[in-house]
């Protein structure tokens, strides 16, 4: 079993990609003409967070005005859970975490595949 998380921004220009890198102070895992993406594993997170969704919420909340300033709208942001499984795939998210993403206008995307 393998899983990881992805924070993804839909872009309108390459200038936005460079600006996101500066604003978030993170190098993208992938960056193309139309998206900027960074992958995380649970082990990458600071101990102060109770999981990836809390971490992403913290990042997006603190960077909201700067991202808006470069033309990134809430609908341009998605959070991905990518999950490889062997026999059964079950994912559960506390309602309060999902609601906070919803309040930020962020899409939650889940991709599962069997090995």
N, C-alpha and C. Protein backbone atom coordinates (compact mmCIF):
# COMPACT_ATOMS: atom_id res chain seq x y z
N UNK A 1 0.84 -1.18 0.00
CA UNK A 1 0.00 0.00 0.00
C UNK A 1 0.89 1.24 0.00
N UNK A 2 0.50 2.20 -0.81
CA UNK A 2 1.25 3.44 -0.91
C UNK A 2 0.25 4.58 -1.08
N UNK A 3 0.45 5.66 -0.35
CA UNK A 3 -0.41 6.81 -0.57
C UNK A 3 0.39 8.09 -0.39
N UNK A 4 -0.07 9.11 -1.06
CA UNK A 4 0.53 10.41 -0.91
C UNK A 4 -0.51 11.46 -1.27
N UNK A 5 -0.15 12.70 -1.08
CA UNK A 5 -1.07 13.81 -1.26
C UNK A 5 -0.49 14.79 -2.26
N UNK A 6 -1.38 15.53 -2.90
CA UNK A 6 -0.94 16.51 -3.89
C UNK A 6 -1.76 17.80 -3.71
N UNK A 7 -1.06 18.91 -3.73
CA UNK A 7 -1.70 20.22 -3.77
C UNK A 7 -1.49 20.74 -5.18
N UNK A 8 -2.58 21.09 -5.85
CA UNK A 8 -2.51 21.42 -7.27
C UNK A 8 -3.20 22.75 -7.55
N UNK A 9 -2.54 23.58 -8.35
CA UNK A 9 -3.09 24.87 -8.77
C UNK A 9 -3.25 24.86 -10.29
N UNK A 10 -4.41 25.27 -10.75
CA UNK A 10 -4.63 25.46 -12.18
C UNK A 10 -4.11 26.85 -12.54
N UNK A 11 -3.32 26.93 -13.60
CA UNK A 11 -2.65 28.17 -13.96
C UNK A 11 -3.20 28.76 -15.26
N UNK A 12 -3.02 30.07 -15.38
CA UNK A 12 -3.31 30.77 -16.63
C UNK A 12 -2.02 31.23 -17.30
N UNK A 13 -0.90 31.26 -16.55
CA UNK A 13 0.36 31.73 -17.12
C UNK A 13 1.55 31.15 -16.37
N UNK A 14 2.70 31.14 -17.03
CA UNK A 14 3.92 30.66 -16.37
C UNK A 14 4.36 31.61 -15.26
N UNK A 15 3.99 32.88 -15.36
CA UNK A 15 4.31 33.82 -14.30
C UNK A 15 3.64 33.42 -12.99
N UNK A 16 2.43 32.87 -13.08
CA UNK A 16 1.75 32.40 -11.88
C UNK A 16 2.54 31.27 -11.23
N UNK A 17 3.11 30.38 -12.03
CA UNK A 17 3.88 29.25 -11.49
C UNK A 17 5.06 29.76 -10.67
N UNK A 18 5.80 30.70 -11.22
CA UNK A 18 6.94 31.26 -10.49
C UNK A 18 6.49 31.96 -9.22
N UNK A 19 5.38 32.66 -9.29
CA UNK A 19 4.87 33.37 -8.12
C UNK A 19 4.41 32.40 -7.03
N UNK A 20 3.76 31.30 -7.41
CA UNK A 20 3.32 30.31 -6.41
C UNK A 20 4.54 29.73 -5.70
N UNK A 21 5.59 29.43 -6.44
CA UNK A 21 6.81 28.90 -5.84
C UNK A 21 7.35 29.88 -4.80
N UNK A 22 7.34 31.16 -5.12
CA UNK A 22 7.81 32.18 -4.17
C UNK A 22 6.87 32.30 -2.97
N UNK A 23 5.58 32.38 -3.24
CA UNK A 23 4.59 32.58 -2.16
C UNK A 23 4.60 31.42 -1.17
N UNK A 24 4.61 30.19 -1.68
CA UNK A 24 4.55 29.02 -0.80
C UNK A 24 5.92 28.58 -0.31
N UNK A 25 6.97 29.14 -0.92
CA UNK A 25 8.34 28.77 -0.57
C UNK A 25 8.54 27.26 -0.70
N UNK A 26 8.00 26.70 -1.80
CA UNK A 26 8.10 25.27 -2.08
C UNK A 26 8.40 25.09 -3.55
N UNK A 27 9.28 24.15 -3.85
CA UNK A 27 9.54 23.79 -5.23
C UNK A 27 8.46 22.81 -5.69
N UNK A 28 7.92 23.00 -6.87
CA UNK A 28 6.88 22.08 -7.34
C UNK A 28 7.46 20.70 -7.66
N UNK A 29 6.64 19.70 -7.48
CA UNK A 29 6.98 18.35 -7.91
C UNK A 29 6.83 18.26 -9.43
N UNK A 30 5.79 18.92 -9.93
CA UNK A 30 5.52 19.03 -11.36
C UNK A 30 5.02 20.42 -11.65
N UNK A 31 5.43 20.94 -12.78
CA UNK A 31 4.96 22.25 -13.17
C UNK A 31 4.91 22.29 -14.69
N UNK A 32 3.74 22.60 -15.23
CA UNK A 32 3.58 22.67 -16.67
C UNK A 32 2.95 23.97 -17.08
N UNK A 33 2.48 24.01 -18.29
CA UNK A 33 1.84 25.22 -18.79
C UNK A 33 0.56 25.57 -18.05
N UNK A 34 -0.12 24.53 -17.56
CA UNK A 34 -1.44 24.78 -16.98
C UNK A 34 -1.61 24.36 -15.53
N UNK A 35 -0.54 23.86 -14.90
CA UNK A 35 -0.68 23.49 -13.50
C UNK A 35 0.66 23.54 -12.76
N UNK A 36 0.55 23.76 -11.46
CA UNK A 36 1.67 23.74 -10.52
C UNK A 36 1.26 22.75 -9.44
N UNK A 37 2.11 21.74 -9.17
CA UNK A 37 1.75 20.69 -8.22
C UNK A 37 2.91 20.39 -7.28
N UNK A 38 2.55 20.11 -6.04
CA UNK A 38 3.55 19.65 -5.08
C UNK A 38 2.97 18.44 -4.34
N UNK A 39 3.79 17.39 -4.23
CA UNK A 39 3.38 16.16 -3.56
C UNK A 39 3.97 16.12 -2.15
N UNK A 40 3.21 15.50 -1.25
CA UNK A 40 3.62 15.33 0.14
C UNK A 40 3.30 13.91 0.58
N UNK A 41 4.05 13.45 1.56
CA UNK A 41 3.68 12.25 2.29
C UNK A 41 3.41 12.68 3.72
N UNK A 42 2.65 11.88 4.42
CA UNK A 42 2.31 12.20 5.81
C UNK A 42 3.58 12.46 6.63
N UNK A 43 4.64 11.73 6.36
CA UNK A 43 5.89 11.88 7.11
C UNK A 43 6.58 13.22 6.85
N UNK A 44 6.18 13.93 5.78
CA UNK A 44 6.77 15.24 5.46
C UNK A 44 6.22 16.36 6.34
N UNK A 45 5.15 16.10 7.03
CA UNK A 45 4.44 17.16 7.74
C UNK A 45 5.07 17.47 9.09
N UNK A 46 4.98 18.73 9.44
CA UNK A 46 5.41 19.20 10.75
C UNK A 46 4.49 18.58 11.81
N UNK A 47 5.00 18.30 12.96
CA UNK A 47 4.24 17.65 14.03
C UNK A 47 3.05 18.48 14.52
N UNK A 48 3.03 19.78 14.23
CA UNK A 48 1.94 20.61 14.73
C UNK A 48 0.62 20.36 13.99
N UNK A 49 0.68 19.66 12.85
CA UNK A 49 -0.53 19.43 12.07
C UNK A 49 -1.08 18.04 12.34
N UNK A 50 -2.40 17.93 12.26
CA UNK A 50 -3.08 16.66 12.49
C UNK A 50 -3.49 16.07 11.15
N UNK A 51 -2.57 15.99 10.25
CA UNK A 51 -2.85 15.40 8.95
C UNK A 51 -2.71 16.40 7.82
N UNK A 52 -2.73 15.86 6.65
CA UNK A 52 -2.47 16.64 5.45
C UNK A 52 -3.50 17.73 5.20
N UNK A 53 -4.77 17.46 5.43
CA UNK A 53 -5.79 18.47 5.16
C UNK A 53 -5.62 19.69 6.05
N UNK A 54 -5.24 19.47 7.30
CA UNK A 54 -4.94 20.60 8.19
C UNK A 54 -3.75 21.40 7.67
N UNK A 55 -2.74 20.68 7.20
CA UNK A 55 -1.54 21.33 6.67
C UNK A 55 -1.88 22.19 5.45
N UNK A 56 -2.63 21.64 4.53
CA UNK A 56 -3.01 22.37 3.33
C UNK A 56 -3.86 23.59 3.68
N UNK A 57 -4.79 23.40 4.60
CA UNK A 57 -5.63 24.52 5.02
C UNK A 57 -4.76 25.65 5.58
N UNK A 58 -3.77 25.31 6.38
CA UNK A 58 -2.87 26.30 6.94
C UNK A 58 -2.11 27.05 5.85
N UNK A 59 -1.57 26.31 4.89
CA UNK A 59 -0.85 26.92 3.77
C UNK A 59 -1.75 27.89 3.01
N UNK A 60 -2.93 27.41 2.64
CA UNK A 60 -3.81 28.22 1.80
C UNK A 60 -4.38 29.42 2.54
N UNK A 61 -4.67 29.28 3.81
CA UNK A 61 -5.18 30.39 4.59
C UNK A 61 -4.14 31.49 4.72
N UNK A 62 -2.90 31.10 5.01
CA UNK A 62 -1.86 32.12 5.19
C UNK A 62 -1.45 32.76 3.87
N UNK A 63 -1.64 32.07 2.76
CA UNK A 63 -1.22 32.59 1.45
C UNK A 63 -2.39 33.12 0.62
N UNK A 64 -3.60 33.12 1.16
CA UNK A 64 -4.80 33.45 0.38
C UNK A 64 -4.72 34.79 -0.33
N UNK A 65 -4.35 35.84 0.37
CA UNK A 65 -4.34 37.16 -0.27
C UNK A 65 -3.23 37.26 -1.33
N UNK A 66 -2.08 36.66 -1.07
CA UNK A 66 -1.00 36.68 -2.06
C UNK A 66 -1.38 35.88 -3.30
N UNK A 67 -2.03 34.73 -3.11
CA UNK A 67 -2.47 33.93 -4.25
C UNK A 67 -3.53 34.66 -5.05
N UNK A 68 -4.45 35.29 -4.34
CA UNK A 68 -5.49 36.08 -5.02
C UNK A 68 -4.85 37.22 -5.81
N UNK A 69 -3.78 37.79 -5.27
CA UNK A 69 -3.09 38.89 -5.92
C UNK A 69 -2.44 38.51 -7.25
N UNK A 70 -2.16 37.22 -7.44
CA UNK A 70 -1.58 36.77 -8.71
C UNK A 70 -2.64 36.11 -9.61
N UNK A 71 -3.90 36.24 -9.19
CA UNK A 71 -4.99 35.73 -10.03
C UNK A 71 -5.43 34.31 -9.77
N UNK A 72 -4.96 33.71 -8.67
CA UNK A 72 -5.42 32.36 -8.31
C UNK A 72 -6.71 32.49 -7.52
N UNK A 73 -7.76 31.88 -8.06
CA UNK A 73 -9.07 31.89 -7.41
C UNK A 73 -9.26 30.58 -6.65
N UNK A 74 -10.16 30.56 -5.66
CA UNK A 74 -10.37 29.31 -4.91
C UNK A 74 -10.66 28.10 -5.81
N UNK A 75 -11.41 28.28 -6.87
CA UNK A 75 -11.71 27.18 -7.77
C UNK A 75 -10.52 26.66 -8.55
N UNK A 76 -9.40 27.36 -8.47
CA UNK A 76 -8.18 26.93 -9.16
C UNK A 76 -7.33 25.99 -8.33
N UNK A 77 -7.77 25.70 -7.12
CA UNK A 77 -6.97 24.90 -6.18
C UNK A 77 -7.67 23.58 -5.91
N UNK A 78 -6.90 22.50 -5.92
CA UNK A 78 -7.44 21.19 -5.56
C UNK A 78 -6.45 20.45 -4.68
N UNK A 79 -6.99 19.62 -3.82
CA UNK A 79 -6.22 18.77 -2.93
C UNK A 79 -6.51 17.33 -3.36
N UNK A 80 -5.44 16.60 -3.57
CA UNK A 80 -5.57 15.22 -4.05
C UNK A 80 -5.08 14.24 -3.00
N UNK A 81 -5.80 13.14 -2.87
CA UNK A 81 -5.35 11.98 -2.11
C UNK A 81 -5.15 10.88 -3.15
N UNK A 82 -3.93 10.39 -3.27
CA UNK A 82 -3.60 9.34 -4.24
C UNK A 82 -3.24 8.09 -3.46
N UNK A 83 -3.96 7.01 -3.71
CA UNK A 83 -3.93 5.86 -2.82
C UNK A 83 -3.83 4.57 -3.64
N UNK A 84 -2.76 3.84 -3.43
CA UNK A 84 -2.58 2.54 -4.07
C UNK A 84 -2.91 1.47 -3.03
N UNK A 85 -3.74 0.52 -3.39
CA UNK A 85 -4.17 -0.48 -2.42
C UNK A 85 -4.07 -1.89 -3.01
N UNK A 86 -4.13 -2.88 -2.12
CA UNK A 86 -4.04 -4.27 -2.56
C UNK A 86 -5.40 -4.97 -2.52
N UNK A 87 -6.11 -4.89 -1.41
CA UNK A 87 -7.33 -5.68 -1.30
C UNK A 87 -8.59 -4.84 -1.10
N UNK A 88 -8.51 -3.76 -0.39
CA UNK A 88 -9.68 -2.94 -0.14
C UNK A 88 -9.25 -1.50 0.02
N UNK A 89 -10.09 -0.59 -0.43
CA UNK A 89 -9.77 0.83 -0.35
C UNK A 89 -10.85 1.54 0.46
N UNK A 90 -10.48 2.06 1.62
CA UNK A 90 -11.39 2.82 2.46
C UNK A 90 -10.71 4.11 2.86
N UNK A 91 -11.37 5.21 2.64
CA UNK A 91 -10.85 6.51 3.04
C UNK A 91 -11.93 7.22 3.83
N UNK A 92 -11.54 7.88 4.89
CA UNK A 92 -12.49 8.61 5.72
C UNK A 92 -11.90 9.97 6.06
N UNK A 93 -12.73 10.99 5.95
CA UNK A 93 -12.30 12.35 6.26
C UNK A 93 -13.28 12.95 7.25
N UNK A 94 -12.77 13.51 8.33
CA UNK A 94 -13.66 14.14 9.31
C UNK A 94 -14.44 15.30 8.66
N UNK A 95 -15.72 15.42 8.96
CA UNK A 95 -16.53 16.47 8.35
C UNK A 95 -15.97 17.87 8.54
N UNK A 96 -15.38 18.15 9.70
CA UNK A 96 -14.86 19.50 9.93
C UNK A 96 -13.70 19.82 9.00
N UNK A 97 -12.87 18.84 8.65
CA UNK A 97 -11.78 19.08 7.71
C UNK A 97 -12.31 19.33 6.31
N UNK A 98 -13.25 18.53 5.89
CA UNK A 98 -13.82 18.69 4.55
C UNK A 98 -14.55 20.03 4.46
N UNK A 99 -15.24 20.42 5.52
CA UNK A 99 -15.95 21.70 5.51
C UNK A 99 -14.98 22.87 5.39
N UNK A 100 -13.85 22.77 6.07
CA UNK A 100 -12.87 23.86 5.99
C UNK A 100 -12.33 23.99 4.57
N UNK A 101 -12.09 22.89 3.89
CA UNK A 101 -11.67 22.95 2.49
C UNK A 101 -12.78 23.56 1.64
N UNK A 102 -14.01 23.13 1.90
CA UNK A 102 -15.16 23.67 1.18
C UNK A 102 -15.24 25.19 1.38
N UNK A 103 -15.07 25.63 2.61
CA UNK A 103 -15.12 27.06 2.91
C UNK A 103 -14.03 27.85 2.18
N UNK A 104 -12.90 27.20 1.91
CA UNK A 104 -11.83 27.83 1.15
C UNK A 104 -12.07 27.76 -0.36
N UNK A 105 -13.08 27.00 -0.78
CA UNK A 105 -13.36 26.84 -2.21
C UNK A 105 -12.44 25.84 -2.89
N UNK A 106 -11.87 24.93 -2.11
CA UNK A 106 -10.89 23.97 -2.62
C UNK A 106 -11.57 22.63 -2.90
N UNK A 107 -11.28 22.05 -4.05
CA UNK A 107 -11.81 20.74 -4.41
C UNK A 107 -10.99 19.64 -3.74
N UNK A 108 -11.67 18.62 -3.24
CA UNK A 108 -11.02 17.43 -2.71
C UNK A 108 -11.16 16.34 -3.75
N UNK A 109 -10.04 15.82 -4.23
CA UNK A 109 -10.03 14.80 -5.27
C UNK A 109 -9.36 13.55 -4.73
N UNK A 110 -9.93 12.39 -5.06
CA UNK A 110 -9.39 11.13 -4.57
C UNK A 110 -9.17 10.21 -5.76
N UNK A 111 -7.99 9.65 -5.84
CA UNK A 111 -7.67 8.70 -6.91
C UNK A 111 -7.13 7.44 -6.27
N UNK A 112 -7.80 6.31 -6.51
CA UNK A 112 -7.39 5.02 -5.95
C UNK A 112 -7.15 4.03 -7.09
N UNK A 113 -6.16 3.19 -6.91
CA UNK A 113 -5.92 2.15 -7.90
C UNK A 113 -5.39 0.92 -7.21
N UNK A 114 -5.75 -0.23 -7.77
CA UNK A 114 -5.35 -1.50 -7.19
C UNK A 114 -4.02 -1.95 -7.78
N UNK A 115 -3.13 -2.47 -6.90
CA UNK A 115 -1.83 -2.94 -7.38
C UNK A 115 -1.93 -4.32 -7.96
